[in-house]
Amino acid sequence: MPQPHATNTGVFLKFMHKFVISTSSFDTVNNPVIQHLIQVGLQPITNPYGRKLTEDEVEDLLKDDVIGMIAGVEPLTARVIQSATHLKVISRCGTGMDNVDRATARKHGITVYNTPEAPAQAVAELTLGLMLASLRQICETDRQIRKGEWPRTQGGLLAAQTVGLIGLGHIGKRVAKLCQAFEANVIAHDPYIDQAPAGVTLMPLAQVLETADIISLHIPHNPDLHHLIDAQAIARMKPGALLINAARGGLVDEQALKAALDSGQLSTAALDAFEQEPYQGPLRQCNNLILSSHVGSLAHESRQRMELEAAENLRDGLIKAGIIHDTQQNDA
């Protein structure tokens, strides 16, 4: 086995190892941290499929001497984690952690990181775009014009709406600020905070559902929150309300949503996340629905920052695990 060696990066590797980058895309060439890890002898293994990996595929990538990974949204289940016998660090490139069995990771001494701040502005801006496109029926108007029609559709102003945010974390707070810039009234539900941003009124969930013209989800998905927006929750909403989900699939009961769109209980909705992705379900038949392919974080500037932070988290985790050693820290 190779002996430890020092390099001009300030890091030396104790043994030869591999790390996996499982996201469907990742700019390794322009990521200085990844380049440093390669220079000291770590071997990167990238996603060979260019899409979300299945459980079997990610398990196969993590075999042998893989000691760290930069993860996407693939299922890092108990089975996958238990089979990755050398894995020490999971660095999630993104916010959500619902695809990672963190309890199993803790049990096996695997440190798990995410990058909650990096994609926040991108997701918030997409959310605002979905609101505006829905209110002004931009996508439907585009479709009709392409068919040779000339619709004169009367939409609504964001300034005239009460926006109800479910979740006031990194993303929710930014959405609140953007909506306030458009002079919308903002209310919110988040049981984990005691004080909302200026101008935002905290309410119980039921009251938010009953009061808001627009409901926007900004929470993680877990078993307790599965189908938070179900038929009963939708029935509480104001007739003709608008639903936005740029958070996680599984928060919305998609069958109940389709029924509400078909009946007119909801005037329109916009989804950037689905229970099964790529999405191939019946919601594609709804003309009063905007579908987006889970691209909330895929703004160029945010993606660069997210990938850099994910790489930094991987490096820091490997240092703490004793896999690599930062000689600069010792010299300080």
C-alpha atoms as a PDB file:
ATOM      1  CA  MET A   1       0.000   0.000   0.000  1.00  0.00           C
ATOM      2  CA  PRO A   2       1.326   3.496  -0.830  1.00  0.00           C
ATOM      3  CA  GLN A   3       3.132   5.333   1.916  1.00  0.00           C
ATOM      4  CA  PRO A   4       1.954   8.745   3.199  1.00  0.00           C
ATOM      5  CA  HIS A   5       3.232  11.638   1.113  1.00  0.00           C
ATOM      6  CA  ALA A   6       3.237  15.404   1.472  1.00  0.00           C
ATOM      7  CA  THR A   7       2.265  17.848  -1.278  1.00  0.00           C
ATOM      8  CA  ASN A   8       2.228  21.577  -1.859  1.00  0.00           C
ATOM      9  CA  THR A   9      -1.528  21.639  -1.159  1.00  0.00           C
ATOM     10  CA  GLY A  10      -0.882  21.507   2.594  1.00  0.00           C
ATOM     11  CA  VAL A  11      -2.604  18.125   2.828  1.00  0.00           C
ATOM     12  CA  PHE A  12      -1.154  14.663   2.822  1.00  0.00           C
ATOM     13  CA  LEU A  13      -2.880  11.356   2.290  1.00  0.00           C
ATOM     14  CA  LYS A  14      -2.260   8.454   4.629  1.00  0.00           C
ATOM     15  CA  PHE A  15      -3.469   5.733   2.222  1.00  0.00           C
ATOM     16  CA  MET A  16      -4.812   5.493  -1.323  1.00  0.00           C
ATOM     17  CA  HIS A  17      -8.617   5.792  -1.385  1.00  0.00           C
ATOM     18  CA  LYS A  18     -11.554   6.698  -3.622  1.00  0.00           C
ATOM     19  CA  PHE A  19     -14.426   9.136  -3.253  1.00  0.00           C
ATOM     20  CA  VAL A  20     -17.714   9.129  -5.149  1.00  0.00           C
ATOM     21  CA  ILE A  21     -19.518  12.111  -6.682  1.00  0.00           C
ATOM     22  CA  SER A  22     -23.003  10.707  -7.245  1.00  0.00           C
ATOM     23  CA  THR A  23     -24.804  13.859  -8.417  1.00  0.00           C
ATOM     24  CA  SER A  24     -25.976  13.716 -12.031  1.00  0.00           C
ATOM     25  CA  SER A  25     -23.585  16.560 -12.877  1.00  0.00           C
ATOM     26  CA  PHE A  26     -20.657  18.154 -11.052  1.00  0.00           C
ATOM     27  CA  ASP A  27     -17.939  20.510 -12.300  1.00  0.00           C
ATOM     28  CA  THR A  28     -14.847  18.804 -10.922  1.00  0.00           C
ATOM     29  CA  VAL A  29     -12.433  20.668 -13.220  1.00  0.00           C
ATOM     30  CA  ASN A  30     -13.225  24.122 -11.830  1.00  0.00           C
ATOM     31  CA  ASN A  31     -13.624  23.036  -8.208  1.00  0.00           C
ATOM     32  CA  PRO A  32     -10.329  23.796  -6.432  1.00  0.00           C
ATOM     33  CA  VAL A  33     -11.080  21.552  -3.445  1.00  0.00           C
ATOM     34  CA  ILE A  34     -11.783  18.555  -5.639  1.00  0.00           C
ATOM     35  CA  GLN A  35      -8.598  19.249  -7.575  1.00  0.00           C
ATOM     36  CA  HIS A  36      -6.609  19.327  -4.326  1.00  0.00           C
ATOM     37  CA  LEU A  37      -8.094  16.007  -3.235  1.00  0.00           C
ATOM     38  CA  ILE A  38      -7.094  14.510  -6.578  1.00  0.00           C
ATOM     39  CA  GLN A  39      -3.580  15.965  -6.314  1.00  0.00           C
ATOM     40  CA  VAL A  40      -2.970  14.264  -2.982  1.00  0.00           C
ATOM     41  CA  GLY A  41      -3.960  10.901  -4.397  1.00  0.00           C
ATOM     42  CA  LEU A  42      -7.687  10.519  -3.820  1.00  0.00           C
ATOM     43  CA  GLN A  43      -9.390   9.005  -6.852  1.00  0.00           C
ATOM     44  CA  PRO A  44     -12.808  10.440  -7.835  1.00  0.00           C
ATOM     45  CA  ILE A  45     -15.576   8.205  -9.170  1.00  0.00           C
ATOM     46  CA  THR A  46     -18.377  10.105 -10.906  1.00  0.00           C
ATOM     47  CA  ASN A  47     -21.950   9.198 -11.768  1.00  0.00           C
ATOM     48  CA  PRO A  48     -21.764   7.188 -15.034  1.00  0.00           C
ATOM     49  CA  TYR A  49     -25.467   7.530 -15.846  1.00  0.00           C
ATOM     50  CA  GLY A  50     -26.043  11.310 -15.804  1.00  0.00           C
ATOM     51  CA  ARG A  51     -29.247  10.896 -13.801  1.00  0.00           C
ATOM     52  CA  LYS A  52     -30.506  10.076 -10.320  1.00  0.00           C
ATOM     53  CA  LEU A  53     -29.045   6.744  -9.232  1.00  0.00           C
ATOM     54  CA  THR A  54     -31.098   3.788  -8.046  1.00  0.00           C
ATOM     55  CA  GLU A  55     -30.426   2.086  -4.735  1.00  0.00           C
ATOM     56  CA  ASP A  56     -28.573  -0.758  -6.476  1.00  0.00           C
ATOM     57  CA  GLU A  57     -26.478   1.629  -8.560  1.00  0.00           C
ATOM     58  CA  VAL A  58     -25.322   3.771  -5.660  1.00  0.00           C
ATOM     59  CA  GLU A  59     -24.582   0.664  -3.606  1.00  0.00           C
ATOM     60  CA  ASP A  60     -22.369  -0.571  -6.426  1.00  0.00           C
ATOM     61  CA  LEU A  61     -20.511   2.761  -6.642  1.00  0.00           C
ATOM     62  CA  LEU A  62     -19.776   2.766  -2.903  1.00  0.00           C
ATOM     63  CA  LYS A  63     -18.156  -0.659  -2.783  1.00  0.00           C
ATOM     64  CA  ASP A  64     -14.469  -1.398  -2.241  1.00  0.00           C
ATOM     65  CA  ASP A  65     -12.391   1.369  -0.643  1.00  0.00           C
ATOM     66  CA  VAL A  66     -14.679   4.396  -1.119  1.00  0.00           C
ATOM     67  CA  ILE A  67     -14.200   6.543   1.979  1.00  0.00           C
ATOM     68  CA  GLY A  68     -16.272   9.608   1.102  1.00  0.00           C
ATOM     69  CA  MET A  69     -18.998  10.809  -1.215  1.00  0.00           C
ATOM     70  CA  ILE A  70     -20.599  13.951  -2.498  1.00  0.00           C
ATOM     71  CA  ALA A  71     -24.243  12.902  -2.635  1.00  0.00           C
ATOM     72  CA  GLY A  72     -27.206  13.954  -4.695  1.00  0.00           C
ATOM     73  CA  VAL A  73     -30.803  12.827  -4.161  1.00  0.00           C
ATOM     74  CA  GLU A  74     -30.222   9.094  -4.661  1.00  0.00           C
ATOM     75  CA  PRO A  75     -31.528   6.756  -1.911  1.00  0.00           C
ATOM     76  CA  LEU A  76     -28.829   6.344   0.736  1.00  0.00           C
ATOM     77  CA  THR A  77     -30.777   3.709   2.611  1.00  0.00           C
ATOM     78  CA  ALA A  78     -29.713   1.571   5.541  1.00  0.00           C
ATOM     79  CA  ARG A  79     -28.823  -1.192   3.087  1.00  0.00           C
ATOM     80  CA  VAL A  80     -26.618   1.105   1.016  1.00  0.00           C
ATOM     81  CA  ILE A  81     -24.859   2.597   4.029  1.00  0.00           C
ATOM     82  CA  GLN A  82     -24.275  -0.770   5.702  1.00  0.00           C
ATOM     83  CA  SER A  83     -22.722  -2.135   2.517  1.00  0.00           C
ATOM     84  CA  ALA A  84     -20.299   0.804   2.239  1.00  0.00           C
ATOM     85  CA  THR A  85     -17.892  -0.611   4.808  1.00  0.00           C
ATOM     86  CA  HIS A  86     -15.153   2.017   4.353  1.00  0.00           C
ATOM     87  CA  LEU A  87     -17.394   5.094   4.023  1.00  0.00           C
ATOM     88  CA  LYS A  88     -16.594   7.866   6.522  1.00  0.00           C
ATOM     89  CA  VAL A  89     -18.210  11.015   5.081  1.00  0.00           C
ATOM     90  CA  ILE A  90     -21.412  11.826   3.188  1.00  0.00           C
ATOM     91  CA  SER A  91     -21.431  15.392   1.904  1.00  0.00           C
ATOM     92  CA  ARG A  92     -24.893  16.174   0.543  1.00  0.00           C
ATOM     93  CA  CYS A  93     -24.765  18.653  -2.366  1.00  0.00           C
ATOM     94  CA  GLY A  94     -28.010  20.418  -1.483  1.00  0.00           C
ATOM     95  CA  THR A  95     -30.357  21.077   1.395  1.00  0.00           C
ATOM     96  CA  GLY A  96     -32.656  18.089   1.790  1.00  0.00           C
ATOM     97  CA  MET A  97     -31.550  15.137   3.884  1.00  0.00           C
ATOM     98  CA  ASP A  98     -34.635  12.964   3.495  1.00  0.00           C
ATOM     99  CA  ASN A  99     -32.815  10.583   1.126  1.00  0.00           C
ATOM    100  CA  VAL A 100     -30.150   9.788   3.747  1.00  0.00           C
ATOM    101  CA  ASP A 101     -30.707   7.279   6.557  1.00  0.00           C
ATOM    102  CA  ARG A 102     -28.899   9.415   9.096  1.00  0.00           C
ATOM    103  CA  ALA A 103     -29.571   7.049  11.990  1.00  0.00           C
ATOM    104  CA  THR A 104     -27.739   4.239  10.199  1.00  0.00           C
ATOM    105  CA  ALA A 105     -24.957   6.637   9.223  1.00  0.00           C
ATOM    106  CA  ARG A 106     -24.478   7.654  12.880  1.00  0.00           C
ATOM    107  CA  LYS A 107     -24.487   4.014  13.931  1.00  0.00           C
ATOM    108  CA  HIS A 108     -21.628   3.303  11.520  1.00  0.00           C
ATOM    109  CA  GLY A 109     -19.634   6.406  12.437  1.00  0.00           C
ATOM    110  CA  ILE A 110     -20.324   8.213   9.156  1.00  0.00           C
ATOM    111  CA  THR A 111     -20.453  12.014   9.318  1.00  0.00           C
ATOM    112  CA  VAL A 112     -23.203  13.608   7.214  1.00  0.00           C
ATOM    113  CA  TYR A 113     -23.109  17.198   5.932  1.00  0.00           C
ATOM    114  CA  ASN A 114     -25.347  19.319   3.722  1.00  0.00           C
ATOM    115  CA  THR A 115     -25.223  22.780   2.128  1.00  0.00           C
ATOM    116  CA  PRO A 116     -28.404  24.543   3.309  1.00  0.00           C
ATOM    117  CA  GLU A 117     -27.354  28.101   2.539  1.00  0.00           C
ATOM    118  CA  ALA A 118     -25.915  27.740  -0.964  1.00  0.00           C
ATOM    119  CA  PRO A 119     -29.106  26.888  -2.924  1.00  0.00           C
ATOM    120  CA  ALA A 120     -31.488  29.016  -0.855  1.00  0.00           C
ATOM    121  CA  GLN A 121     -31.617  32.074  -3.094  1.00  0.00           C
ATOM    122  CA  ALA A 122     -32.003  29.999  -6.256  1.00  0.00           C
ATOM    123  CA  VAL A 123     -34.936  28.014  -4.841  1.00  0.00           C
ATOM    124  CA  ALA A 124     -36.523  31.188  -3.474  1.00  0.00           C
ATOM    125  CA  GLU A 125     -36.307  32.912  -6.848  1.00  0.00           C
ATOM    126  CA  LEU A 126     -37.753  29.881  -8.648  1.00  0.00           C
ATOM    127  CA  THR A 127     -40.605  29.883  -6.124  1.00  0.00           C
ATOM    128  CA  LEU A 128     -41.329  33.523  -6.879  1.00  0.00           C
ATOM    129  CA  GLY A 129     -41.189  32.800 -10.607  1.00  0.00           C
ATOM    130  CA  LEU A 130     -43.706  29.959 -10.206  1.00  0.00           C
ATOM    131  CA  MET A 131     -46.020  32.258  -8.251  1.00  0.00           C
ATOM    132  CA  LEU A 132     -45.899  34.980 -10.901  1.00  0.00           C
ATOM    133  CA  ALA A 133     -46.248  32.530 -13.799  1.00  0.00           C
ATOM    134  CA  SER A 134     -49.258  30.935 -12.094  1.00  0.00           C
ATOM    135  CA  LEU A 135     -50.974  34.208 -11.244  1.00  0.00           C
ATOM    136  CA  ARG A 136     -50.572  35.558 -14.784  1.00  0.00           C
ATOM    137  CA  GLN A 137     -51.111  32.139 -16.459  1.00  0.00           C
ATOM    138  CA  ILE A 138     -47.967  32.616 -18.500  1.00  0.00           C
ATOM    139  CA  CYS A 139     -47.448  28.961 -19.416  1.00  0.00           C
ATOM    140  CA  GLU A 140     -51.052  28.400 -20.524  1.00  0.00           C
ATOM    141  CA  THR A 141     -51.015  31.608 -22.574  1.00  0.00           C
ATOM    142  CA  ASP A 142     -47.810  30.442 -24.262  1.00  0.00           C
ATOM    143  CA  ARG A 143     -49.405  27.096 -25.144  1.00  0.00           C
ATOM    144  CA  GLN A 144     -52.487  28.760 -26.634  1.00  0.00           C
ATOM    145  CA  ILE A 145     -50.490  31.198 -28.749  1.00  0.00           C
ATOM    146  CA  ARG A 146     -48.445  28.318 -30.162  1.00  0.00           C
ATOM    147  CA  LYS A 147     -51.744  26.732 -31.245  1.00  0.00           C
ATOM    148  CA  GLY A 148     -52.679  29.880 -33.164  1.00  0.00           C
ATOM    149  CA  GLU A 149     -54.921  31.423 -30.509  1.00  0.00           C
ATOM    150  CA  TRP A 150     -54.677  34.905 -29.016  1.00  0.00           C
ATOM    151  CA  PRO A 151     -55.985  34.698 -25.427  1.00  0.00           C
ATOM    152  CA  ARG A 152     -56.671  37.845 -23.439  1.00  0.00           C
ATOM    153  CA  THR A 153     -56.386  36.227 -20.023  1.00  0.00           C
ATOM    154  CA  GLN A 154     -56.922  38.320 -16.914  1.00  0.00           C
ATOM    155  CA  GLY A 155     -54.558  37.257 -14.160  1.00  0.00           C
ATOM    156  CA  GLY A 156     -53.907  38.398 -10.611  1.00  0.00           C
ATOM    157  CA  LEU A 157     -51.384  40.568  -8.818  1.00  0.00           C
ATOM    158  CA  LEU A 158     -48.988  39.133  -6.273  1.00  0.00           C
ATOM    159  CA  ALA A 159     -49.398  42.423  -4.421  1.00  0.00           C
ATOM    160  CA  ALA A 160     -53.056  41.546  -3.830  1.00  0.00           C
ATOM    161  CA  GLN A 161     -52.358  38.086  -2.376  1.00  0.00           C
ATOM    162  CA  THR A 162     -51.817  36.690   1.083  1.00  0.00           C
ATOM    163  CA  VAL A 163     -48.918  34.250   0.783  1.00  0.00           C
ATOM    164  CA  GLY A 164     -48.789  31.444   3.328  1.00  0.00           C
ATOM    165  CA  LEU A 165     -45.363  29.916   3.822  1.00  0.00           C
ATOM    166  CA  ILE A 166     -45.040  26.512   5.456  1.00  0.00           C
ATOM    167  CA  GLY A 167     -41.475  26.606   6.733  1.00  0.00           C
ATOM    168  CA  LEU A 168     -39.317  29.636   7.498  1.00  0.00           C
ATOM    169  CA  GLY A 169     -35.814  28.245   7.161  1.00  0.00           C
ATOM    170  CA  HIS A 170     -33.092  29.410   4.798  1.00  0.00           C
ATOM    171  CA  ILE A 171     -35.411  29.325   1.783  1.00  0.00           C
ATOM    172  CA  GLY A 172     -38.686  30.327   3.403  1.00  0.00           C
ATOM    173  CA  LYS A 173     -37.214  33.526   4.819  1.00  0.00           C
ATOM    174  CA  ARG A 174     -35.949  34.518   1.385  1.00  0.00           C
ATOM    175  CA  VAL A 175     -39.325  33.819  -0.205  1.00  0.00           C
ATOM    176  CA  ALA A 176     -40.954  35.995   2.439  1.00  0.00           C
ATOM    177  CA  LYS A 177     -38.591  38.859   1.640  1.00  0.00           C
ATOM    178  CA  LEU A 178     -39.178  38.562  -2.110  1.00  0.00           C
ATOM    179  CA  CYS A 179     -42.963  38.478  -1.669  1.00  0.00           C
ATOM    180  CA  GLN A 180     -42.833  41.503   0.592  1.00  0.00           C
ATOM    181  CA  ALA A 181     -40.900  43.371  -2.108  1.00  0.00           C
ATOM    182  CA  PHE A 182     -43.964  42.803  -4.313  1.00  0.00           C
ATOM    183  CA  GLU A 183     -46.149  44.171  -1.459  1.00  0.00           C
ATOM    184  CA  ALA A 184     -47.824  40.835  -0.758  1.00  0.00           C
ATOM    185  CA  ASN A 185     -49.063  40.028   2.744  1.00  0.00           C
ATOM    186  CA  VAL A 186     -47.022  37.152   4.194  1.00  0.00           C
ATOM    187  CA  ILE A 187     -48.119  34.702   6.875  1.00  0.00           C
ATOM    188  CA  ALA A 188     -46.288  31.544   7.914  1.00  0.00           C
ATOM    189  CA  HIS A 189     -46.255  28.362   9.942  1.00  0.00           C
ATOM    190  CA  ASP A 190     -43.059  26.980  11.423  1.00  0.00           C
ATOM    191  CA  PRO A 191     -43.168  25.211  14.803  1.00  0.00           C
ATOM    192  CA  TYR A 192     -39.375  25.462  15.173  1.00  0.00           C
ATOM    193  CA  ILE A 193     -39.084  29.240  15.338  1.00  0.00           C
ATOM    194  CA  ASP A 194     -40.350  31.683  17.961  1.00  0.00           C
ATOM    195  CA  GLN A 195     -39.904  34.929  16.054  1.00  0.00           C
ATOM    196  CA  ALA A 196     -40.675  35.529  12.391  1.00  0.00           C
ATOM    197  CA  PRO A 197     -38.965  38.080  10.139  1.00  0.00           C
ATOM    198  CA  ALA A 198     -40.368  41.593  10.259  1.00  0.00           C
ATOM    199  CA  GLY A 199     -43.802  41.827   8.702  1.00  0.00           C
ATOM    200  CA  VAL A 200     -44.454  38.063   8.705  1.00  0.00           C
ATOM    201  CA  THR A 201     -47.225  36.765  10.967  1.00  0.00           C
ATOM    202  CA  LEU A 202     -46.828  33.293  12.477  1.00  0.00           C
ATOM    203  CA  MET A 203     -49.971  31.162  12.620  1.00  0.00           C
ATOM    204  CA  PRO A 204     -51.002  27.552  13.255  1.00  0.00           C
ATOM    205  CA  LEU A 205     -50.938  25.395  10.142  1.00  0.00           C
ATOM    206  CA  ALA A 206     -54.720  25.161   9.867  1.00  0.00           C
ATOM    207  CA  GLN A 207     -55.042  28.941   9.993  1.00  0.00           C
ATOM    208  CA  VAL A 208     -52.424  29.413   7.290  1.00  0.00           C
ATOM    209  CA  LEU A 209     -54.239  26.928   5.038  1.00  0.00           C
ATOM    210  CA  GLU A 210     -57.575  28.680   5.612  1.00  0.00           C
ATOM    211  CA  THR A 211     -56.256  32.239   5.212  1.00  0.00           C
ATOM    212  CA  ALA A 212     -53.703  32.240   2.398  1.00  0.00           C
ATOM    213  CA  ASP A 213     -54.396  32.778  -1.293  1.00  0.00           C
ATOM    214  CA  ILE A 214     -51.072  31.110  -2.089  1.00  0.00           C
ATOM    215  CA  ILE A 215     -49.573  28.210  -0.108  1.00  0.00           C
ATOM    216  CA  SER A 216     -45.849  27.613  -0.626  1.00  0.00           C
ATOM    217  CA  LEU A 217     -43.954  24.690   0.939  1.00  0.00           C
ATOM    218  CA  HIS A 218     -40.420  25.107   2.293  1.00  0.00           C
ATOM    219  CA  ILE A 219     -39.888  22.145   4.602  1.00  0.00           C
ATOM    220  CA  PRO A 220     -38.013  18.829   4.396  1.00  0.00           C
ATOM    221  CA  HIS A 221     -39.804  15.561   3.788  1.00  0.00           C
ATOM    222  CA  ASN A 222     -39.886  12.870   6.444  1.00  0.00           C
ATOM    223  CA  PRO A 223     -42.415  10.195   7.458  1.00  0.00           C
ATOM    224  CA  ASP A 224     -44.226  12.596   9.794  1.00  0.00           C
ATOM    225  CA  LEU A 225     -44.684  15.124   6.980  1.00  0.00           C
ATOM    226  CA  HIS A 226     -45.577  12.655   4.229  1.00  0.00           C
ATOM    227  CA  HIS A 227     -48.647  13.953   2.353  1.00  0.00           C
ATOM    228  CA  LEU A 228     -48.892  16.952   4.638  1.00  0.00           C
ATOM    229  CA  ILE A 229     -50.958  18.470   1.859  1.00  0.00           C
ATOM    230  CA  ASP A 230     -53.613  15.798   1.416  1.00  0.00           C
ATOM    231  CA  ALA A 231     -57.299  15.957   0.504  1.00  0.00           C
ATOM    232  CA  GLN A 232     -58.205  17.171   3.990  1.00  0.00           C
ATOM    233  CA  ALA A 233     -55.590  19.948   3.928  1.00  0.00           C
ATOM    234  CA  ILE A 234     -56.644  21.024   0.438  1.00  0.00           C
ATOM    235  CA  ALA A 235     -60.286  21.163   1.562  1.00  0.00           C
ATOM    236  CA  ARG A 236     -59.233  23.701   4.213  1.00  0.00           C
ATOM    237  CA  MET A 237     -57.748  26.019   1.604  1.00  0.00           C
ATOM    238  CA  LYS A 238     -59.651  28.931   0.138  1.00  0.00           C
ATOM    239  CA  PRO A 239     -61.530  27.991  -3.048  1.00  0.00           C
ATOM    240  CA  GLY A 240     -59.345  28.914  -5.992  1.00  0.00           C
ATOM    241  CA  ALA A 241     -56.126  28.982  -3.947  1.00  0.00           C
ATOM    242  CA  LEU A 242     -52.709  28.384  -5.515  1.00  0.00           C
ATOM    243  CA  LEU A 243     -50.271  25.704  -4.266  1.00  0.00           C
ATOM    244  CA  ILE A 244     -46.498  25.858  -4.824  1.00  0.00           C
ATOM    245  CA  ASN A 245     -44.119  23.009  -3.980  1.00  0.00           C
ATOM    246  CA  ALA A 246     -40.460  23.726  -4.712  1.00  0.00           C
ATOM    247  CA  ALA A 247     -39.396  21.681  -1.677  1.00  0.00           C
ATOM    248  CA  ARG A 248     -39.701  17.892  -1.739  1.00  0.00           C
ATOM    249  CA  GLY A 249     -41.880  15.312  -3.406  1.00  0.00           C
ATOM    250  CA  GLY A 250     -43.964  13.367  -0.917  1.00  0.00           C
ATOM    251  CA  LEU A 251     -45.173  16.494   0.875  1.00  0.00           C
ATOM    252  CA  VAL A 252     -48.151  16.638  -1.498  1.00  0.00           C
ATOM    253  CA  ASP A 253     -50.654  13.858  -2.149  1.00  0.00           C
ATOM    254  CA  GLU A 254     -50.519  14.014  -5.939  1.00  0.00           C
ATOM    255  CA  GLN A 255     -53.835  12.192  -6.431  1.00  0.00           C
ATOM    256  CA  ALA A 256     -55.590  14.628  -4.109  1.00  0.00           C
ATOM    257  CA  LEU A 257     -53.933  17.521  -5.913  1.00  0.00           C
ATOM    258  CA  LYS A 258     -55.143  16.342  -9.305  1.00  0.00           C
ATOM    259  CA  ALA A 259     -58.685  15.977  -7.983  1.00  0.00           C
ATOM    260  CA  ALA A 260     -58.553  19.518  -6.568  1.00  0.00           C
ATOM    261  CA  LEU A 261     -57.243  20.947  -9.852  1.00  0.00           C
ATOM    262  CA  ASP A 262     -59.875  19.092 -11.862  1.00  0.00           C
ATOM    263  CA  SER A 263     -62.701  20.268  -9.587  1.00  0.00           C
ATOM    264  CA  GLY A 264     -61.504  23.871  -9.329  1.00  0.00           C
ATOM    265  CA  GLN A 265     -60.974  23.723  -5.556  1.00  0.00           C
ATOM    266  CA  LEU A 266     -57.468  24.879  -6.452  1.00  0.00           C
ATOM    267  CA  SER A 267     -57.206  27.308  -9.347  1.00  0.00           C
ATOM    268  CA  THR A 268     -53.681  26.256 -10.193  1.00  0.00           C
ATOM    269  CA  ALA A 269     -50.514  24.740  -8.769  1.00  0.00           C
ATOM    270  CA  ALA A 270     -46.813  24.596  -9.557  1.00  0.00           C
ATOM    271  CA  LEU A 271     -44.518  21.701  -8.655  1.00  0.00           C
ATOM    272  CA  ASP A 272     -40.741  21.392  -8.844  1.00  0.00           C
ATOM    273  CA  ALA A 273     -40.625  18.114  -6.877  1.00  0.00           C
ATOM    274  CA  PHE A 274     -42.471  14.818  -7.160  1.00  0.00           C
ATOM    275  CA  GLU A 275     -42.746  11.531  -5.289  1.00  0.00           C
ATOM    276  CA  GLN A 276     -41.260   9.662  -8.263  1.00  0.00           C
ATOM    277  CA  GLU A 277     -38.712  11.399 -10.464  1.00  0.00           C
ATOM    278  CA  PRO A 278     -38.496  11.709 -13.404  1.00  0.00           C
ATOM    279  CA  TYR A 279     -42.258  12.335 -13.165  1.00  0.00           C
ATOM    280  CA  GLN A 280     -44.487  10.434 -15.624  1.00  0.00           C
ATOM    281  CA  GLY A 281     -47.847  10.607 -13.863  1.00  0.00           C
ATOM    282  CA  PRO A 282     -51.349  11.894 -14.569  1.00  0.00           C
ATOM    283  CA  LEU A 283     -50.688  15.447 -13.372  1.00  0.00           C
ATOM    284  CA  ARG A 284     -49.203  16.029 -16.840  1.00  0.00           C
ATOM    285  CA  GLN A 285     -52.785  16.142 -18.109  1.00  0.00           C
ATOM    286  CA  CYS A 286     -53.647  19.226 -16.022  1.00  0.00           C
ATOM    287  CA  ASN A 287     -53.463  22.467 -17.984  1.00  0.00           C
ATOM    288  CA  ASN A 288     -53.806  24.507 -14.773  1.00  0.00           C
ATOM    289  CA  LEU A 289     -50.549  23.136 -13.406  1.00  0.00           C
ATOM    290  CA  ILE A 290     -46.932  24.164 -13.985  1.00  0.00           C
ATOM    291  CA  LEU A 291     -44.447  21.289 -13.914  1.00  0.00           C
ATOM    292  CA  SER A 292     -40.737  21.827 -13.321  1.00  0.00           C
ATOM    293  CA  SER A 293     -38.065  19.104 -13.273  1.00  0.00           C
ATOM    294  CA  HIS A 294     -36.597  19.609  -9.758  1.00  0.00           C
ATOM    295  CA  VAL A 295     -34.357  22.468 -10.884  1.00  0.00           C
ATOM    296  CA  GLY A 296     -34.784  24.749  -7.863  1.00  0.00           C
ATOM    297  CA  SER A 297     -31.077  24.887  -7.040  1.00  0.00           C
ATOM    298  CA  LEU A 298     -29.873  24.846 -10.638  1.00  0.00           C
ATOM    299  CA  ALA A 299     -28.965  28.473 -11.037  1.00  0.00           C
ATOM    300  CA  HIS A 300     -25.378  28.723 -12.246  1.00  0.00           C
ATOM    301  CA  GLU A 301     -24.147  30.923  -9.399  1.00  0.00           C
ATOM    302  CA  SER A 302     -25.860  28.894  -6.677  1.00  0.00           C
ATOM    303  CA  ARG A 303     -24.741  25.609  -8.158  1.00  0.00           C
ATOM    304  CA  GLN A 304     -21.119  26.719  -8.147  1.00  0.00           C
ATOM    305  CA  ARG A 305     -21.347  27.731  -4.500  1.00  0.00           C
ATOM    306  CA  MET A 306     -23.183  24.534  -3.562  1.00  0.00           C
ATOM    307  CA  GLU A 307     -20.590  22.305  -5.230  1.00  0.00           C
ATOM    308  CA  LEU A 308     -17.730  24.193  -3.585  1.00  0.00           C
ATOM    309  CA  GLU A 309     -19.325  23.929  -0.125  1.00  0.00           C
ATOM    310  CA  ALA A 310     -20.038  20.227  -0.655  1.00  0.00           C
ATOM    311  CA  ALA A 311     -16.392  19.651  -1.584  1.00  0.00           C
ATOM    312  CA  GLU A 312     -15.204  21.647   1.439  1.00  0.00           C
ATOM    313  CA  ASN A 313     -17.463  19.587   3.695  1.00  0.00           C
ATOM    314  CA  LEU A 314     -16.076  16.372   2.218  1.00  0.00           C
ATOM    315  CA  ARG A 315     -12.490  17.554   2.750  1.00  0.00           C
ATOM    316  CA  ASP A 316     -13.175  18.698   6.323  1.00  0.00           C
ATOM    317  CA  GLY A 317     -14.904  15.421   7.133  1.00  0.00           C
ATOM    318  CA  LEU A 318     -11.995  13.391   5.791  1.00  0.00           C
ATOM    319  CA  ILE A 319      -9.580  15.462   7.882  1.00  0.00           C
ATOM    320  CA  LYS A 320     -11.667  14.848  11.027  1.00  0.00           C
ATOM    321  CA  ALA A 321     -11.816  11.140  10.199  1.00  0.00           C
ATOM    322  CA  GLY A 322      -8.032  11.036   9.937  1.00  0.00           C
ATOM    323  CA  ILE A 323      -8.085   9.979   6.285  1.00  0.00           C
ATOM    324  CA  ILE A 324      -6.199  13.076   5.179  1.00  0.00           C
ATOM    325  CA  HIS A 325      -4.193  15.447   7.301  1.00  0.00           C
ATOM    326  CA  ASP A 326      -3.951  19.220   6.976  1.00  0.00           C
ATOM    327  CA  THR A 327      -0.366  20.127   7.683  1.00  0.00           C
ATOM    328  CA  GLN A 328      -1.241  23.820   7.505  1.00  0.00           C
ATOM    329  CA  GLN A 329      -3.265  23.445  10.687  1.00  0.00           C
ATOM    330  CA  ASN A 330      -0.262  21.959  12.443  1.00  0.00           C
ATOM    331  CA  ASP A 331       2.003  24.718  11.157  1.00  0.00           C
ATOM    332  CA  ALA A 332      -0.313  27.492  12.358  1.00  0.00           C
END
